[in-house]
């Protein structure tokens, strides 16, 4: 799972004072792992922000991400919806990728990261997330998926031999 510090985005993104205040409070709640409070703020931002607001997709993606962090997989649909409409902000794709990782959808996380990097190639959070999930333990057979029974058997055998 990505570190919580990498979820944060600059609060200067907001377009008015009320929006800025809500966004700062939501980000602060995430920083303190108060996901219930963060959910309230992002839900409110998501519902009152006009669809043509340039940060509407960002708020929707955060809303979905927080739901996933809290164990509600339906938040993934919000992240996917936001990313389908986004054409600039890599953080929207970061939230989608992080949600996909939490739900063990590794391949879909790679797709989200790639798409986010195509819009924002220097997004450090996306680059860090890519580097984090691109590492294999070295115990797998690289030409098979991790879920393949042969890979699981090989890992178990190697782990037993090592210990």
N, C-alpha and C. Protein backbone atom coordinates (compact mmCIF):
# COMPACT_ATOMS: atom_id res chain seq x y z
N UNK A 1 0.85 -1.18 0.00
CA UNK A 1 0.00 0.00 0.00
C UNK A 1 0.89 1.24 0.00
N UNK A 2 0.52 2.26 -0.75
CA UNK A 2 1.31 3.47 -0.78
C UNK A 2 1.32 4.15 0.58
N UNK A 3 2.37 4.89 0.85
CA UNK A 3 2.43 5.59 2.13
C UNK A 3 1.40 6.71 2.12
N UNK A 4 0.89 7.00 3.29
CA UNK A 4 -0.15 8.03 3.40
C UNK A 4 0.40 9.41 3.04
N UNK A 5 1.70 9.64 3.24
CA UNK A 5 2.29 10.94 2.92
C UNK A 5 2.23 11.24 1.44
N UNK A 6 2.17 10.22 0.60
CA UNK A 6 2.18 10.43 -0.83
C UNK A 6 0.80 10.74 -1.39
N UNK A 7 -0.21 10.68 -0.58
CA UNK A 7 -1.57 10.94 -1.06
C UNK A 7 -1.83 12.44 -1.13
N UNK A 8 -1.09 13.22 -0.40
CA UNK A 8 -1.39 14.64 -0.27
C UNK A 8 -1.10 15.41 -1.54
N UNK A 9 -1.91 16.41 -1.75
CA UNK A 9 -1.77 17.30 -2.88
C UNK A 9 -1.81 18.72 -2.36
N UNK A 10 -1.19 19.60 -3.07
CA UNK A 10 -1.12 20.99 -2.65
C UNK A 10 -2.51 21.61 -2.52
N UNK A 11 -2.79 22.24 -1.38
CA UNK A 11 -4.12 22.84 -1.20
C UNK A 11 -4.32 24.11 -2.03
N UNK A 12 -3.30 24.60 -2.70
CA UNK A 12 -3.46 25.79 -3.53
C UNK A 12 -4.33 25.51 -4.76
N UNK A 13 -4.72 24.25 -4.93
CA UNK A 13 -5.52 23.88 -6.09
C UNK A 13 -6.92 24.47 -6.07
N UNK A 14 -7.40 24.80 -4.91
CA UNK A 14 -8.79 25.24 -4.79
C UNK A 14 -9.02 26.56 -5.53
N UNK A 15 -10.25 26.77 -5.94
CA UNK A 15 -10.57 27.95 -6.74
C UNK A 15 -11.25 29.05 -5.92
N UNK A 16 -11.66 28.80 -4.71
CA UNK A 16 -12.21 29.86 -3.86
C UNK A 16 -11.89 29.56 -2.40
N UNK A 17 -12.16 30.51 -1.53
CA UNK A 17 -11.77 30.40 -0.11
C UNK A 17 -12.43 29.22 0.60
N UNK A 18 -13.71 29.03 0.37
CA UNK A 18 -14.43 27.94 1.02
C UNK A 18 -13.88 26.60 0.54
N UNK A 19 -13.67 26.49 -0.75
CA UNK A 19 -13.13 25.26 -1.32
C UNK A 19 -11.73 24.99 -0.77
N UNK A 20 -10.92 26.04 -0.68
CA UNK A 20 -9.57 25.92 -0.14
C UNK A 20 -9.60 25.44 1.31
N UNK A 21 -10.48 26.01 2.10
CA UNK A 21 -10.61 25.64 3.50
C UNK A 21 -11.03 24.17 3.65
N UNK A 22 -12.02 23.76 2.88
CA UNK A 22 -12.49 22.37 2.92
C UNK A 22 -11.38 21.41 2.50
N UNK A 23 -10.66 21.80 1.43
CA UNK A 23 -9.60 20.93 0.93
C UNK A 23 -8.49 20.78 1.97
N UNK A 24 -8.09 21.88 2.59
CA UNK A 24 -7.05 21.82 3.63
C UNK A 24 -7.48 20.94 4.80
N UNK A 25 -8.73 21.09 5.21
CA UNK A 25 -9.24 20.27 6.32
C UNK A 25 -9.26 18.78 5.95
N UNK A 26 -9.65 18.50 4.73
CA UNK A 26 -9.70 17.10 4.26
C UNK A 26 -8.30 16.50 4.23
N UNK A 27 -7.34 17.23 3.69
CA UNK A 27 -5.96 16.75 3.61
C UNK A 27 -5.38 16.58 5.01
N UNK A 28 -5.69 17.51 5.90
CA UNK A 28 -5.22 17.40 7.29
C UNK A 28 -5.81 16.16 7.97
N UNK A 29 -7.07 15.89 7.69
CA UNK A 29 -7.72 14.70 8.27
C UNK A 29 -7.05 13.42 7.76
N UNK A 30 -6.69 13.40 6.48
CA UNK A 30 -5.99 12.24 5.92
C UNK A 30 -4.63 12.10 6.60
N UNK A 31 -3.94 13.22 6.80
CA UNK A 31 -2.61 13.19 7.43
C UNK A 31 -2.68 12.61 8.84
N UNK A 32 -3.79 12.85 9.51
CA UNK A 32 -3.98 12.32 10.87
C UNK A 32 -4.74 11.00 10.89
N UNK A 33 -4.91 10.43 9.70
CA UNK A 33 -5.61 9.15 9.53
C UNK A 33 -7.03 9.17 10.10
N UNK A 34 -7.63 10.33 10.08
CA UNK A 34 -9.02 10.48 10.48
C UNK A 34 -9.86 10.40 9.21
N UNK A 35 -10.05 9.17 8.73
CA UNK A 35 -10.67 8.97 7.44
C UNK A 35 -12.16 9.32 7.43
N UNK A 36 -12.82 9.19 8.56
CA UNK A 36 -14.24 9.57 8.63
C UNK A 36 -14.39 11.06 8.34
N UNK A 37 -13.55 11.87 8.98
CA UNK A 37 -13.61 13.32 8.78
C UNK A 37 -13.21 13.66 7.34
N UNK A 38 -12.15 13.02 6.84
CA UNK A 38 -11.70 13.26 5.46
C UNK A 38 -12.82 12.92 4.49
N UNK A 39 -13.51 11.83 4.75
CA UNK A 39 -14.60 11.42 3.88
C UNK A 39 -15.70 12.48 3.85
N UNK A 40 -16.03 13.04 5.00
CA UNK A 40 -17.06 14.09 5.05
C UNK A 40 -16.66 15.29 4.19
N UNK A 41 -15.41 15.74 4.34
CA UNK A 41 -14.96 16.89 3.56
C UNK A 41 -14.90 16.59 2.07
N UNK A 42 -14.33 15.45 1.69
CA UNK A 42 -14.23 15.14 0.26
C UNK A 42 -15.60 14.87 -0.34
N UNK A 43 -16.48 14.27 0.42
CA UNK A 43 -17.84 14.03 -0.07
C UNK A 43 -18.54 15.36 -0.32
N UNK A 44 -18.37 16.28 0.62
CA UNK A 44 -18.98 17.61 0.47
C UNK A 44 -18.38 18.34 -0.74
N UNK A 45 -17.05 18.32 -0.84
CA UNK A 45 -16.39 18.96 -1.98
C UNK A 45 -16.86 18.35 -3.30
N UNK A 46 -16.96 17.03 -3.30
CA UNK A 46 -17.37 16.32 -4.51
C UNK A 46 -18.80 16.69 -4.90
N UNK A 47 -19.67 16.84 -3.92
CA UNK A 47 -21.08 17.09 -4.25
C UNK A 47 -21.38 18.55 -4.58
N UNK A 48 -20.63 19.50 -4.03
CA UNK A 48 -20.94 20.92 -4.28
C UNK A 48 -20.11 21.51 -5.42
N UNK A 49 -19.09 20.81 -5.87
CA UNK A 49 -18.25 21.34 -6.94
C UNK A 49 -18.89 21.05 -8.29
N UNK A 50 -18.97 22.07 -9.10
CA UNK A 50 -19.55 21.92 -10.43
C UNK A 50 -18.70 20.97 -11.27
N UNK A 51 -19.34 20.25 -12.16
CA UNK A 51 -18.65 19.27 -13.00
C UNK A 51 -17.59 19.93 -13.87
N UNK A 52 -17.78 21.22 -14.21
CA UNK A 52 -16.80 21.90 -15.06
C UNK A 52 -15.67 22.55 -14.26
N UNK A 53 -15.71 22.41 -12.93
CA UNK A 53 -14.61 22.91 -12.09
C UNK A 53 -13.37 22.09 -12.42
N UNK A 54 -12.24 22.75 -12.57
CA UNK A 54 -11.04 22.03 -12.99
C UNK A 54 -10.52 21.04 -11.96
N UNK A 55 -11.03 21.10 -10.73
CA UNK A 55 -10.60 20.17 -9.70
C UNK A 55 -11.68 19.17 -9.30
N UNK A 56 -12.79 19.17 -10.01
CA UNK A 56 -13.89 18.25 -9.69
C UNK A 56 -13.42 16.80 -9.73
N UNK A 57 -12.62 16.43 -10.72
CA UNK A 57 -12.15 15.05 -10.82
C UNK A 57 -11.20 14.70 -9.67
N UNK A 58 -10.40 15.68 -9.25
CA UNK A 58 -9.49 15.44 -8.13
C UNK A 58 -10.28 15.15 -6.86
N UNK A 59 -11.32 15.95 -6.60
CA UNK A 59 -12.14 15.74 -5.41
C UNK A 59 -12.85 14.39 -5.46
N UNK A 60 -13.36 14.04 -6.63
CA UNK A 60 -14.03 12.75 -6.79
C UNK A 60 -13.06 11.60 -6.55
N UNK A 61 -11.84 11.74 -7.06
CA UNK A 61 -10.86 10.67 -6.89
C UNK A 61 -10.45 10.52 -5.43
N UNK A 62 -10.31 11.63 -4.72
CA UNK A 62 -10.01 11.55 -3.28
C UNK A 62 -11.17 10.91 -2.53
N UNK A 63 -12.38 11.30 -2.88
CA UNK A 63 -13.57 10.73 -2.26
C UNK A 63 -13.54 9.21 -2.41
N UNK A 64 -13.30 8.75 -3.63
CA UNK A 64 -13.23 7.31 -3.88
C UNK A 64 -12.08 6.65 -3.16
N UNK A 65 -10.91 7.28 -3.17
CA UNK A 65 -9.73 6.71 -2.51
C UNK A 65 -9.98 6.52 -1.01
N UNK A 66 -10.56 7.52 -0.38
CA UNK A 66 -10.83 7.43 1.07
C UNK A 66 -11.82 6.29 1.34
N UNK A 67 -12.81 6.13 0.49
CA UNK A 67 -13.75 5.01 0.66
C UNK A 67 -13.01 3.67 0.60
N UNK A 68 -12.10 3.55 -0.36
CA UNK A 68 -11.34 2.30 -0.50
C UNK A 68 -10.47 2.07 0.73
N UNK A 69 -9.81 3.12 1.20
CA UNK A 69 -8.97 3.01 2.40
C UNK A 69 -9.81 2.54 3.59
N UNK A 70 -11.06 2.97 3.64
CA UNK A 70 -11.95 2.60 4.74
C UNK A 70 -12.59 1.23 4.53
N UNK A 71 -12.27 0.57 3.42
CA UNK A 71 -12.78 -0.78 3.21
C UNK A 71 -13.98 -0.88 2.30
N UNK A 72 -14.40 0.22 1.70
CA UNK A 72 -15.55 0.21 0.80
C UNK A 72 -15.05 0.18 -0.64
N UNK A 73 -15.09 -0.97 -1.27
CA UNK A 73 -14.54 -1.12 -2.62
C UNK A 73 -15.32 -0.34 -3.68
N UNK A 74 -16.51 0.13 -3.34
CA UNK A 74 -17.27 0.91 -4.32
C UNK A 74 -16.58 2.25 -4.61
N UNK A 75 -15.69 2.67 -3.74
CA UNK A 75 -14.92 3.89 -3.99
C UNK A 75 -14.08 3.80 -5.25
N UNK A 76 -13.73 2.58 -5.62
CA UNK A 76 -12.94 2.38 -6.83
C UNK A 76 -13.70 2.89 -8.06
N UNK A 77 -15.01 2.73 -8.06
CA UNK A 77 -15.81 3.24 -9.18
C UNK A 77 -15.72 4.76 -9.30
N UNK A 78 -15.69 5.45 -8.16
CA UNK A 78 -15.53 6.91 -8.19
C UNK A 78 -14.17 7.28 -8.76
N UNK A 79 -13.13 6.57 -8.33
CA UNK A 79 -11.78 6.83 -8.85
C UNK A 79 -11.73 6.59 -10.35
N UNK A 80 -12.32 5.51 -10.80
CA UNK A 80 -12.32 5.19 -12.24
C UNK A 80 -13.10 6.23 -13.03
N UNK A 81 -14.22 6.65 -12.48
CA UNK A 81 -15.03 7.68 -13.15
C UNK A 81 -14.24 8.98 -13.28
N UNK A 82 -13.60 9.40 -12.18
CA UNK A 82 -12.83 10.64 -12.20
C UNK A 82 -11.68 10.55 -13.21
N UNK A 83 -11.01 9.42 -13.24
CA UNK A 83 -9.88 9.28 -14.16
C UNK A 83 -10.33 9.23 -15.62
N UNK A 84 -11.54 8.74 -15.86
CA UNK A 84 -12.03 8.68 -17.24
C UNK A 84 -12.30 10.07 -17.80
N UNK A 85 -12.52 11.04 -16.92
CA UNK A 85 -12.79 12.42 -17.36
C UNK A 85 -11.56 13.33 -17.27
N UNK A 86 -10.50 12.85 -16.64
CA UNK A 86 -9.33 13.70 -16.39
C UNK A 86 -8.35 13.67 -17.55
N UNK A 87 -7.79 14.84 -17.87
CA UNK A 87 -6.83 14.94 -18.97
C UNK A 87 -5.55 15.68 -18.57
N UNK A 88 -5.40 16.06 -17.28
CA UNK A 88 -4.22 16.83 -16.89
C UNK A 88 -3.59 16.40 -15.58
N UNK A 89 -4.38 16.21 -14.57
CA UNK A 89 -3.88 16.05 -13.21
C UNK A 89 -3.47 14.61 -12.91
N UNK A 90 -2.19 14.38 -12.74
CA UNK A 90 -1.68 13.05 -12.44
C UNK A 90 -2.13 12.52 -11.09
N UNK A 91 -2.47 13.40 -10.16
CA UNK A 91 -2.91 12.95 -8.83
C UNK A 91 -4.21 12.18 -8.87
N UNK A 92 -5.05 12.48 -9.86
CA UNK A 92 -6.29 11.72 -10.02
C UNK A 92 -5.93 10.25 -10.33
N UNK A 93 -4.95 10.06 -11.18
CA UNK A 93 -4.51 8.70 -11.54
C UNK A 93 -3.74 8.04 -10.40
N UNK A 94 -3.06 8.86 -9.59
CA UNK A 94 -2.39 8.32 -8.41
C UNK A 94 -3.43 7.73 -7.46
N UNK A 95 -4.51 8.47 -7.21
CA UNK A 95 -5.55 7.98 -6.31
C UNK A 95 -6.18 6.71 -6.85
N UNK A 96 -6.37 6.64 -8.18
CA UNK A 96 -6.91 5.43 -8.78
C UNK A 96 -5.92 4.27 -8.61
N UNK A 97 -4.67 4.50 -8.93
CA UNK A 97 -3.66 3.44 -8.82
C UNK A 97 -3.52 2.96 -7.38
N UNK A 98 -3.50 3.89 -6.43
CA UNK A 98 -3.38 3.51 -5.02
C UNK A 98 -4.58 2.67 -4.60
N UNK A 99 -5.76 3.03 -5.08
CA UNK A 99 -6.97 2.26 -4.76
C UNK A 99 -6.90 0.87 -5.38
N UNK A 100 -6.43 0.80 -6.62
CA UNK A 100 -6.29 -0.49 -7.29
C UNK A 100 -5.31 -1.39 -6.52
N UNK A 101 -4.23 -0.81 -6.02
CA UNK A 101 -3.25 -1.58 -5.26
C UNK A 101 -3.86 -2.10 -3.96
N UNK A 102 -4.59 -1.26 -3.28
CA UNK A 102 -5.23 -1.67 -2.02
C UNK A 102 -6.14 -2.87 -2.27
N UNK A 103 -6.80 -2.87 -3.43
CA UNK A 103 -7.74 -3.95 -3.76
C UNK A 103 -7.07 -5.08 -4.55
N UNK A 104 -5.74 -5.07 -4.58
CA UNK A 104 -4.93 -6.12 -5.23
C UNK A 104 -5.17 -6.24 -6.73
N UNK A 105 -5.38 -5.11 -7.39
CA UNK A 105 -5.51 -5.08 -8.85
C UNK A 105 -4.22 -4.48 -9.42
N UNK A 106 -3.16 -5.24 -9.34
CA UNK A 106 -1.83 -4.74 -9.70
C UNK A 106 -1.73 -4.29 -11.16
N UNK A 107 -2.24 -5.08 -12.07
CA UNK A 107 -2.16 -4.72 -13.49
C UNK A 107 -2.93 -3.43 -13.79
N UNK A 108 -4.09 -3.29 -13.19
CA UNK A 108 -4.87 -2.07 -13.41
C UNK A 108 -4.18 -0.86 -12.80
N UNK A 109 -3.44 -1.08 -11.72
CA UNK A 109 -2.67 0.00 -11.11
C UNK A 109 -1.58 0.46 -12.09
N UNK A 110 -0.92 -0.48 -12.75
CA UNK A 110 0.09 -0.13 -13.74
C UNK A 110 -0.52 0.70 -14.87
N UNK A 111 -1.70 0.32 -15.32
CA UNK A 111 -2.37 1.05 -16.39
C UNK A 111 -2.67 2.48 -15.93
N UNK A 112 -3.17 2.62 -14.71
CA UNK A 112 -3.49 3.95 -14.18
C UNK A 112 -2.22 4.81 -14.05
N UNK A 113 -1.15 4.20 -13.58
CA UNK A 113 0.11 4.94 -13.44
C UNK A 113 0.61 5.38 -14.81
N UNK A 114 0.58 4.49 -15.77
CA UNK A 114 1.04 4.82 -17.13
C UNK A 114 0.23 5.97 -17.73
N UNK A 115 -1.08 5.89 -17.56
CA UNK A 115 -1.94 6.94 -18.11
C UNK A 115 -1.66 8.26 -17.40
N UNK A 116 -1.52 8.22 -16.07
CA UNK A 116 -1.21 9.44 -15.32
C UNK A 116 0.11 10.05 -15.73
N UNK A 117 1.12 9.20 -15.94
CA UNK A 117 2.44 9.69 -16.37
C UNK A 117 2.40 10.23 -17.80
N UNK A 118 1.47 9.75 -18.60
CA UNK A 118 1.36 10.30 -19.96
C UNK A 118 0.85 11.74 -19.93
N UNK A 119 0.05 12.08 -18.91
CA UNK A 119 -0.45 13.45 -18.76
C UNK A 119 0.51 14.32 -17.96
N UNK A 120 1.15 13.73 -16.98
CA UNK A 120 2.03 14.48 -16.08
C UNK A 120 3.29 13.64 -15.83
N UNK A 121 4.26 13.66 -16.77
CA UNK A 121 5.42 12.77 -16.72
C UNK A 121 6.33 12.96 -15.51
N UNK A 122 6.30 14.10 -14.87
CA UNK A 122 7.20 14.36 -13.74
C UNK A 122 6.50 14.24 -12.38
N UNK A 123 5.32 13.67 -12.35
CA UNK A 123 4.59 13.53 -11.09
C UNK A 123 5.33 12.55 -10.19
N UNK A 124 5.91 13.07 -9.11
CA UNK A 124 6.76 12.26 -8.22
C UNK A 124 5.99 11.15 -7.53
N UNK A 125 4.75 11.42 -7.17
CA UNK A 125 3.97 10.40 -6.50
C UNK A 125 3.73 9.21 -7.42
N UNK A 126 3.42 9.48 -8.68
CA UNK A 126 3.21 8.39 -9.64
C UNK A 126 4.51 7.63 -9.89
N UNK A 127 5.61 8.35 -10.01
CA UNK A 127 6.91 7.71 -10.24
C UNK A 127 7.27 6.82 -9.05
N UNK A 128 7.10 7.34 -7.84
CA UNK A 128 7.40 6.55 -6.63
C UNK A 128 6.51 5.32 -6.52
N UNK A 129 5.24 5.49 -6.84
CA UNK A 129 4.31 4.37 -6.78
C UNK A 129 4.70 3.31 -7.80
N UNK A 130 5.07 3.75 -8.99
CA UNK A 130 5.50 2.81 -10.02
C UNK A 130 6.72 2.02 -9.55
N UNK A 131 7.70 2.71 -8.98
CA UNK A 131 8.90 2.04 -8.50
C UNK A 131 8.58 1.07 -7.37
N UNK A 132 7.64 1.44 -6.52
CA UNK A 132 7.27 0.59 -5.40
C UNK A 132 6.63 -0.72 -5.86
N UNK A 133 5.70 -0.65 -6.82
CA UNK A 133 4.99 -1.87 -7.22
C UNK A 133 5.70 -2.62 -8.33
N UNK A 134 6.72 -2.04 -8.91
CA UNK A 134 7.43 -2.71 -9.99
C UNK A 134 8.49 -3.68 -9.46
N UNK A 135 8.66 -3.73 -8.16
CA UNK A 135 9.66 -4.61 -7.58
C UNK A 135 9.06 -5.98 -7.32
N UNK A 136 9.76 -6.99 -7.75
CA UNK A 136 9.37 -8.37 -7.45
C UNK A 136 10.33 -8.89 -6.40
N UNK A 137 9.90 -9.85 -5.66
CA UNK A 137 10.75 -10.38 -4.60
C UNK A 137 11.90 -11.22 -5.14
N UNK A 138 11.84 -11.60 -6.40
CA UNK A 138 12.90 -12.40 -6.99
C UNK A 138 12.65 -13.89 -6.83
N UNK A 139 11.62 -14.27 -6.11
CA UNK A 139 11.33 -15.68 -5.89
C UNK A 139 10.39 -16.24 -6.95
N UNK A 140 9.74 -15.38 -7.71
CA UNK A 140 8.76 -15.84 -8.69
C UNK A 140 9.44 -16.23 -10.00
N UNK A 141 8.71 -17.00 -10.78
CA UNK A 141 9.11 -17.28 -12.15
C UNK A 141 8.59 -16.11 -12.99
N UNK A 142 9.46 -15.29 -13.55
CA UNK A 142 9.03 -14.02 -14.13
C UNK A 142 8.09 -14.14 -15.32
N UNK A 143 8.07 -15.28 -16.00
CA UNK A 143 7.21 -15.42 -17.17
C UNK A 143 5.80 -15.87 -16.81
N UNK A 144 5.55 -16.11 -15.51
CA UNK A 144 4.21 -16.49 -15.04
C UNK A 144 3.66 -15.41 -14.14
N UNK A 145 2.34 -15.33 -14.07
CA UNK A 145 1.73 -14.37 -13.15
C UNK A 145 1.98 -14.81 -11.72
N UNK A 146 1.90 -13.88 -10.80
CA UNK A 146 2.13 -14.20 -9.39
C UNK A 146 1.09 -15.17 -8.86
N UNK A 147 -0.10 -15.14 -9.43
CA UNK A 147 -1.18 -15.99 -8.97
C UNK A 147 -1.10 -17.41 -9.51
N UNK A 148 -0.26 -17.65 -10.49
CA UNK A 148 -0.13 -18.97 -11.08
C UNK A 148 0.31 -19.97 -10.02
N UNK A 149 -0.31 -21.16 -10.02
CA UNK A 149 -0.02 -22.16 -8.98
C UNK A 149 1.44 -22.59 -8.99
N UNK A 150 2.05 -22.60 -10.16
CA UNK A 150 3.46 -22.97 -10.23
C UNK A 150 4.35 -21.94 -9.52
N UNK A 151 4.01 -20.67 -9.68
CA UNK A 151 4.75 -19.62 -9.00
C UNK A 151 4.58 -19.73 -7.48
N UNK A 152 3.37 -20.03 -7.06
CA UNK A 152 3.13 -20.18 -5.62
C UNK A 152 3.90 -21.37 -5.07
N UNK A 153 3.91 -22.45 -5.80
CA UNK A 153 4.64 -23.64 -5.37
C UNK A 153 6.15 -23.36 -5.32
N UNK A 154 6.66 -22.68 -6.33
CA UNK A 154 8.09 -22.36 -6.37
C UNK A 154 8.47 -21.46 -5.21
N UNK A 155 7.65 -20.47 -4.91
CA UNK A 155 7.92 -19.56 -3.79
C UNK A 155 7.92 -20.32 -2.47
N UNK A 156 6.94 -21.17 -2.27
CA UNK A 156 6.86 -21.95 -1.04
C UNK A 156 8.09 -22.84 -0.88
N UNK A 157 8.49 -23.48 -1.97
CA UNK A 157 9.67 -24.37 -1.92
C UNK A 157 10.92 -23.59 -1.58
N UNK A 158 11.10 -22.46 -2.21
CA UNK A 158 12.29 -21.64 -1.96
C UNK A 158 12.28 -21.11 -0.53
N UNK A 159 11.13 -20.65 -0.08
CA UNK A 159 11.03 -20.13 1.29
C UNK A 159 11.32 -21.21 2.32
N UNK A 160 10.84 -22.43 2.08
CA UNK A 160 11.12 -23.53 3.00
C UNK A 160 12.61 -23.88 3.02
N UNK A 161 13.22 -23.82 1.84
CA UNK A 161 14.63 -24.13 1.73
C UNK A 161 15.48 -23.07 2.45
N UNK A 162 15.07 -21.80 2.32
CA UNK A 162 15.81 -20.70 2.96
C UNK A 162 15.71 -20.78 4.48
N UNK A 163 14.54 -21.09 4.99
CA UNK A 163 14.37 -21.08 6.45
C UNK A 163 14.65 -22.41 7.06
